[in-house]
Amino acid sequence: MPLGQLLSGDPSKNSKLYLAIGGLSLVKAIVIRKDRERFRRELLDAGLFIGAGLVLRRYSQLKAEKRDELEGQVPDWAVNIATSEPAKQRVRTMAQQRLGSQPEPEPTLRERARAMLSM
């Protein structure tokens, strides 16, 4: 899995998933401990999954700390203005204008005729 895809989404959920897979892999390694080669492979897999889970957990904690730090720097009056309904509507309108997501109205028959005559 590419690193960008690994870090996208909710790293906390991903970390739990990786830790669970690592735990299952560790249990499987214990079950097949008599076969040395398979035991080593499963133990390596368990270590990699558990390591990735711990790294994702730490990344999730750092991300939450940074978010809290940034939110703490924004003044309360700015938060209140940004969460008001008129402000949200203005932001949506500006975004639609910038992105051009508002479809232009279909030209009427009169407008099309004028365009043809002006050529």
N, C-alpha and C. Protein backbone atom coordinates (compact mmCIF):
# COMPACT_ATOMS: atom_id res chain seq x y z
N MET A 1 0.85 -1.17 0.00
CA MET A 1 0.00 0.00 0.00
C MET A 1 0.90 1.24 0.00
N PRO A 2 0.63 2.19 -0.91
CA PRO A 2 1.44 3.40 -0.96
C PRO A 2 1.29 4.22 0.32
N LEU A 3 2.33 4.95 0.68
CA LEU A 3 2.33 5.72 1.92
C LEU A 3 1.22 6.75 1.95
N GLY A 4 0.99 7.43 0.83
CA GLY A 4 -0.07 8.44 0.78
C GLY A 4 -1.44 7.84 1.05
N GLN A 5 -1.68 6.67 0.53
CA GLN A 5 -2.96 6.00 0.73
C GLN A 5 -3.07 5.50 2.17
N LEU A 6 -1.94 5.11 2.75
CA LEU A 6 -1.92 4.63 4.12
C LEU A 6 -2.26 5.75 5.09
N LEU A 7 -1.77 6.96 4.81
CA LEU A 7 -1.96 8.08 5.71
C LEU A 7 -3.27 8.82 5.47
N SER A 8 -3.94 8.55 4.37
CA SER A 8 -5.22 9.21 4.12
C SER A 8 -6.31 8.52 4.92
N GLY A 9 -7.43 9.17 5.03
CA GLY A 9 -8.51 8.60 5.82
C GLY A 9 -8.27 8.84 7.30
N ASP A 10 -8.80 7.97 8.13
CA ASP A 10 -8.65 8.10 9.56
C ASP A 10 -7.51 7.21 10.04
N PRO A 11 -6.36 7.78 10.38
CA PRO A 11 -5.23 6.95 10.79
C PRO A 11 -5.50 6.17 12.08
N SER A 12 -6.40 6.67 12.91
CA SER A 12 -6.72 5.96 14.14
C SER A 12 -7.40 4.62 13.84
N LYS A 13 -8.35 4.64 12.90
CA LYS A 13 -9.02 3.39 12.51
C LYS A 13 -8.05 2.45 11.82
N ASN A 14 -7.20 3.02 10.93
CA ASN A 14 -6.22 2.19 10.24
C ASN A 14 -5.25 1.56 11.22
N SER A 15 -4.86 2.30 12.25
CA SER A 15 -3.91 1.76 13.23
C SER A 15 -4.53 0.57 13.96
N LYS A 16 -5.79 0.68 14.30
CA LYS A 16 -6.46 -0.43 14.98
C LYS A 16 -6.53 -1.66 14.08
N LEU A 17 -6.79 -1.42 12.80
CA LEU A 17 -6.85 -2.52 11.84
C LEU A 17 -5.49 -3.21 11.74
N TYR A 18 -4.43 -2.42 11.60
CA TYR A 18 -3.09 -2.99 11.48
C TYR A 18 -2.67 -3.71 12.76
N LEU A 19 -3.02 -3.16 13.91
CA LEU A 19 -2.70 -3.84 15.17
C LEU A 19 -3.45 -5.16 15.29
N ALA A 20 -4.71 -5.17 14.85
CA ALA A 20 -5.49 -6.41 14.90
C ALA A 20 -4.90 -7.47 13.97
N ILE A 21 -4.54 -7.05 12.75
CA ILE A 21 -3.93 -8.01 11.81
C ILE A 21 -2.61 -8.52 12.36
N GLY A 22 -1.82 -7.63 12.96
CA GLY A 22 -0.55 -8.03 13.56
C GLY A 22 -0.76 -9.01 14.70
N GLY A 23 -1.78 -8.78 15.51
CA GLY A 23 -2.08 -9.70 16.61
C GLY A 23 -2.48 -11.07 16.10
N LEU A 24 -3.33 -11.09 15.06
CA LEU A 24 -3.73 -12.38 14.47
C LEU A 24 -2.54 -13.10 13.86
N SER A 25 -1.67 -12.33 13.22
CA SER A 25 -0.49 -12.93 12.62
C SER A 25 0.45 -13.49 13.70
N LEU A 26 0.51 -12.81 14.82
CA LEU A 26 1.32 -13.30 15.94
C LEU A 26 0.75 -14.60 16.51
N VAL A 27 -0.57 -14.66 16.64
CA VAL A 27 -1.22 -15.89 17.10
C VAL A 27 -0.96 -17.02 16.11
N LYS A 28 -1.05 -16.73 14.82
CA LYS A 28 -0.79 -17.74 13.80
C LYS A 28 0.66 -18.22 13.89
N ALA A 29 1.59 -17.30 14.14
CA ALA A 29 3.00 -17.69 14.28
C ALA A 29 3.19 -18.63 15.46
N ILE A 30 2.49 -18.37 16.54
CA ILE A 30 2.60 -19.24 17.72
C ILE A 30 2.04 -20.62 17.41
N VAL A 31 0.94 -20.67 16.66
CA VAL A 31 0.32 -21.95 16.32
C VAL A 31 1.24 -22.80 15.44
N ILE A 32 1.95 -22.17 14.50
CA ILE A 32 2.79 -22.93 13.57
C ILE A 32 4.28 -22.88 13.96
N ARG A 33 4.56 -22.76 15.24
CA ARG A 33 5.95 -22.58 15.69
C ARG A 33 6.85 -23.77 15.41
N LYS A 34 6.28 -24.92 15.12
CA LYS A 34 7.11 -26.10 14.85
C LYS A 34 7.77 -26.03 13.47
N ASP A 35 7.11 -25.37 12.52
CA ASP A 35 7.68 -25.19 11.18
C ASP A 35 8.49 -23.89 11.21
N ARG A 36 9.82 -24.01 11.28
CA ARG A 36 10.70 -22.86 11.48
C ARG A 36 10.55 -21.78 10.40
N GLU A 37 10.47 -22.18 9.15
CA GLU A 37 10.43 -21.20 8.06
C GLU A 37 9.12 -20.41 8.09
N ARG A 38 8.01 -21.09 8.20
CA ARG A 38 6.71 -20.41 8.26
C ARG A 38 6.59 -19.57 9.53
N PHE A 39 7.16 -20.07 10.63
CA PHE A 39 7.14 -19.34 11.89
C PHE A 39 7.86 -17.99 11.73
N ARG A 40 9.03 -18.02 11.09
CA ARG A 40 9.79 -16.78 10.90
C ARG A 40 9.03 -15.79 10.01
N ARG A 41 8.43 -16.30 8.93
CA ARG A 41 7.67 -15.41 8.05
C ARG A 41 6.48 -14.78 8.76
N GLU A 42 5.75 -15.58 9.51
CA GLU A 42 4.59 -15.06 10.24
C GLU A 42 5.03 -14.08 11.33
N LEU A 43 6.12 -14.38 11.97
CA LEU A 43 6.63 -13.49 13.01
C LEU A 43 7.06 -12.15 12.39
N LEU A 44 7.70 -12.22 11.23
CA LEU A 44 8.08 -11.00 10.52
C LEU A 44 6.84 -10.20 10.10
N ASP A 45 5.84 -10.89 9.55
CA ASP A 45 4.60 -10.21 9.17
C ASP A 45 3.93 -9.56 10.38
N ALA A 46 3.88 -10.30 11.49
CA ALA A 46 3.27 -9.76 12.70
C ALA A 46 4.01 -8.51 13.15
N GLY A 47 5.32 -8.56 13.12
CA GLY A 47 6.12 -7.40 13.53
C GLY A 47 5.89 -6.20 12.63
N LEU A 48 5.81 -6.44 11.32
CA LEU A 48 5.58 -5.34 10.38
C LEU A 48 4.20 -4.71 10.58
N PHE A 49 3.18 -5.54 10.74
CA PHE A 49 1.83 -5.01 10.93
C PHE A 49 1.71 -4.27 12.26
N ILE A 50 2.27 -4.82 13.31
CA ILE A 50 2.20 -4.16 14.61
C ILE A 50 2.99 -2.85 14.56
N GLY A 51 4.15 -2.87 13.91
CA GLY A 51 4.93 -1.64 13.77
C GLY A 51 4.18 -0.57 13.00
N ALA A 52 3.55 -0.96 11.90
CA ALA A 52 2.78 0.00 11.11
C ALA A 52 1.60 0.53 11.92
N GLY A 53 0.98 -0.32 12.70
CA GLY A 53 -0.14 0.11 13.55
C GLY A 53 0.30 1.12 14.59
N LEU A 54 1.45 0.88 15.20
CA LEU A 54 1.96 1.81 16.21
C LEU A 54 2.36 3.14 15.59
N VAL A 55 2.96 3.09 14.40
CA VAL A 55 3.34 4.33 13.72
C VAL A 55 2.09 5.12 13.34
N LEU A 56 1.06 4.45 12.85
CA LEU A 56 -0.18 5.14 12.50
C LEU A 56 -0.86 5.73 13.73
N ARG A 57 -0.79 5.03 14.82
CA ARG A 57 -1.39 5.53 16.06
C ARG A 57 -0.69 6.82 16.49
N ARG A 58 0.64 6.81 16.42
CA ARG A 58 1.42 8.00 16.79
C ARG A 58 1.12 9.15 15.83
N TYR A 59 1.02 8.84 14.55
CA TYR A 59 0.69 9.86 13.55
C TYR A 59 -0.69 10.45 13.85
N SER A 60 -1.63 9.62 14.22
CA SER A 60 -2.97 10.09 14.56
C SER A 60 -2.93 11.03 15.76
N GLN A 61 -2.14 10.69 16.76
CA GLN A 61 -2.02 11.55 17.94
C GLN A 61 -1.39 12.89 17.58
N LEU A 62 -0.33 12.86 16.77
CA LEU A 62 0.32 14.11 16.37
C LEU A 62 -0.62 14.98 15.54
N LYS A 63 -1.39 14.35 14.67
CA LYS A 63 -2.35 15.07 13.83
C LYS A 63 -3.41 15.75 14.70
N ALA A 64 -3.92 15.04 15.71
CA ALA A 64 -4.92 15.61 16.60
C ALA A 64 -4.32 16.76 17.42
N GLU A 65 -3.09 16.59 17.90
CA GLU A 65 -2.45 17.66 18.66
C GLU A 65 -2.26 18.91 17.80
N LYS A 66 -1.82 18.73 16.57
CA LYS A 66 -1.60 19.86 15.67
C LYS A 66 -2.92 20.55 15.36
N ARG A 67 -3.98 19.78 15.13
CA ARG A 67 -5.30 20.36 14.85
C ARG A 67 -5.77 21.18 16.04
N ASP A 68 -5.61 20.65 17.26
CA ASP A 68 -6.01 21.39 18.46
C ASP A 68 -5.20 22.67 18.61
N GLU A 69 -3.91 22.58 18.31
CA GLU A 69 -3.04 23.74 18.41
C GLU A 69 -3.47 24.83 17.43
N LEU A 70 -3.76 24.43 16.21
CA LEU A 70 -4.19 25.40 15.21
C LEU A 70 -5.55 26.00 15.54
N GLU A 71 -6.46 25.18 16.04
CA GLU A 71 -7.78 25.68 16.41
C GLU A 71 -7.69 26.61 17.60
N GLY A 72 -6.71 26.38 18.47
CA GLY A 72 -6.52 27.24 19.63
C GLY A 72 -5.99 28.61 19.26
N GLN A 73 -5.36 28.75 18.11
CA GLN A 73 -4.80 30.03 17.68
C GLN A 73 -5.84 30.93 17.02
N VAL A 74 -6.96 30.37 16.60
CA VAL A 74 -8.00 31.15 15.94
C VAL A 74 -8.84 31.84 17.01
N PRO A 75 -9.02 33.17 16.90
CA PRO A 75 -9.83 33.87 17.90
C PRO A 75 -11.29 33.42 17.86
N ASP A 76 -11.95 33.52 19.01
CA ASP A 76 -13.35 33.09 19.12
C ASP A 76 -14.26 33.86 18.17
N TRP A 77 -14.02 35.18 18.01
CA TRP A 77 -14.88 35.97 17.15
C TRP A 77 -14.78 35.51 15.70
N ALA A 78 -13.59 35.04 15.29
CA ALA A 78 -13.42 34.55 13.92
C ALA A 78 -14.17 33.24 13.72
N VAL A 79 -14.15 32.40 14.74
CA VAL A 79 -14.87 31.13 14.66
C VAL A 79 -16.36 31.38 14.55
N ASN A 80 -16.87 32.33 15.35
CA ASN A 80 -18.30 32.65 15.32
C ASN A 80 -18.71 33.21 13.97
N ILE A 81 -17.87 34.06 13.39
CA ILE A 81 -18.19 34.63 12.07
C ILE A 81 -18.18 33.54 11.02
N ALA A 82 -17.18 32.67 11.07
CA ALA A 82 -17.04 31.63 10.04
C ALA A 82 -18.14 30.58 10.11
N THR A 83 -18.75 30.40 11.29
CA THR A 83 -19.78 29.39 11.42
C THR A 83 -21.18 29.95 11.23
N SER A 84 -21.30 31.26 10.98
CA SER A 84 -22.63 31.82 10.76
C SER A 84 -23.13 31.40 9.37
N GLU A 85 -24.43 31.34 9.23
CA GLU A 85 -25.03 30.86 7.98
C GLU A 85 -24.75 31.79 6.80
N PRO A 86 -24.82 33.13 6.96
CA PRO A 86 -24.49 33.99 5.81
C PRO A 86 -23.04 33.82 5.34
N ALA A 87 -22.13 33.63 6.28
CA ALA A 87 -20.73 33.44 5.90
C ALA A 87 -20.56 32.14 5.13
N LYS A 88 -21.22 31.10 5.58
CA LYS A 88 -21.14 29.81 4.87
C LYS A 88 -21.68 29.95 3.45
N GLN A 89 -22.77 30.68 3.31
CA GLN A 89 -23.37 30.86 1.99
C GLN A 89 -22.45 31.65 1.08
N ARG A 90 -21.79 32.70 1.61
CA ARG A 90 -20.86 33.49 0.80
C ARG A 90 -19.68 32.64 0.34
N VAL A 91 -19.19 31.81 1.23
CA VAL A 91 -18.07 30.94 0.87
C VAL A 91 -18.49 29.96 -0.22
N ARG A 92 -19.67 29.38 -0.10
CA ARG A 92 -20.16 28.46 -1.13
C ARG A 92 -20.30 29.16 -2.48
N THR A 93 -20.85 30.37 -2.45
CA THR A 93 -21.06 31.13 -3.69
C THR A 93 -19.72 31.45 -4.34
N MET A 94 -18.76 31.92 -3.54
CA MET A 94 -17.45 32.25 -4.09
C MET A 94 -16.76 31.01 -4.65
N ALA A 95 -16.88 29.89 -3.96
CA ALA A 95 -16.27 28.66 -4.44
C ALA A 95 -16.89 28.21 -5.75
N GLN A 96 -18.20 28.32 -5.84
CA GLN A 96 -18.87 27.93 -7.08
C GLN A 96 -18.47 28.82 -8.23
N GLN A 97 -18.31 30.11 -7.95
CA GLN A 97 -17.89 31.04 -9.01
C GLN A 97 -16.47 30.74 -9.45
N ARG A 98 -15.59 30.50 -8.49
CA ARG A 98 -14.19 30.22 -8.82
C ARG A 98 -14.03 28.92 -9.58
N LEU A 99 -14.76 27.91 -9.15
CA LEU A 99 -14.63 26.60 -9.77
C LEU A 99 -15.46 26.48 -11.04
N GLY A 100 -16.33 27.44 -11.24
CA GLY A 100 -17.17 27.39 -12.43
C GLY A 100 -18.16 26.24 -12.38
N SER A 101 -18.58 25.86 -11.18
CA SER A 101 -19.47 24.72 -11.06
C SER A 101 -20.92 25.09 -11.33
N GLN A 102 -21.21 26.39 -11.40
CA GLN A 102 -22.57 26.78 -11.74
C GLN A 102 -22.73 26.68 -13.25
N PRO A 103 -23.60 25.82 -13.71
CA PRO A 103 -23.77 25.70 -15.16
C PRO A 103 -24.39 26.97 -15.73
N GLU A 104 -23.89 27.37 -16.87
CA GLU A 104 -24.45 28.54 -17.52
C GLU A 104 -25.79 28.16 -18.11
N PRO A 105 -26.75 29.09 -18.06
CA PRO A 105 -28.07 28.77 -18.61
C PRO A 105 -27.99 28.53 -20.12
N GLU A 106 -28.83 27.67 -20.58
CA GLU A 106 -28.89 27.34 -22.01
C GLU A 106 -29.38 28.57 -22.76
N PRO A 107 -28.69 28.96 -23.85
CA PRO A 107 -29.13 30.15 -24.60
C PRO A 107 -30.52 29.92 -25.22
N THR A 108 -31.28 30.98 -25.21
CA THR A 108 -32.63 30.89 -25.78
C THR A 108 -32.54 30.94 -27.30
N LEU A 109 -33.65 30.72 -27.93
CA LEU A 109 -33.71 30.74 -29.39
C LEU A 109 -33.36 32.13 -29.92
N ARG A 110 -33.85 33.16 -29.25
CA ARG A 110 -33.56 34.53 -29.65
C ARG A 110 -32.05 34.81 -29.57
N GLU A 111 -31.40 34.37 -28.48
CA GLU A 111 -29.96 34.60 -28.31
C GLU A 111 -29.16 33.85 -29.38
N ARG A 112 -29.58 32.66 -29.71
CA ARG A 112 -28.88 31.90 -30.74
C ARG A 112 -29.02 32.56 -32.12
N ALA A 113 -30.21 33.08 -32.38
CA ALA A 113 -30.44 33.76 -33.66
C ALA A 113 -29.60 35.03 -33.75
N ARG A 114 -29.53 35.80 -32.69
CA ARG A 114 -28.71 37.00 -32.67
C ARG A 114 -27.24 36.64 -32.89
N ALA A 115 -26.77 35.59 -32.27
CA ALA A 115 -25.39 35.17 -32.41
C ALA A 115 -25.09 34.79 -33.86
N MET A 116 -26.03 34.13 -34.52
CA MET A 116 -25.82 33.73 -35.91
C MET A 116 -25.83 34.94 -36.84
N LEU A 117 -26.69 35.89 -36.54
CA LEU A 117 -26.77 37.08 -37.41
C LEU A 117 -25.55 37.98 -37.23
N SER A 118 -24.98 37.96 -36.03
CA SER A 118 -23.84 38.83 -35.79
C SER A 118 -22.56 38.29 -36.41
N MET A 119 -22.52 37.06 -36.84
CA MET A 119 -21.32 36.50 -37.47
C MET A 119 -21.13 37.00 -38.81
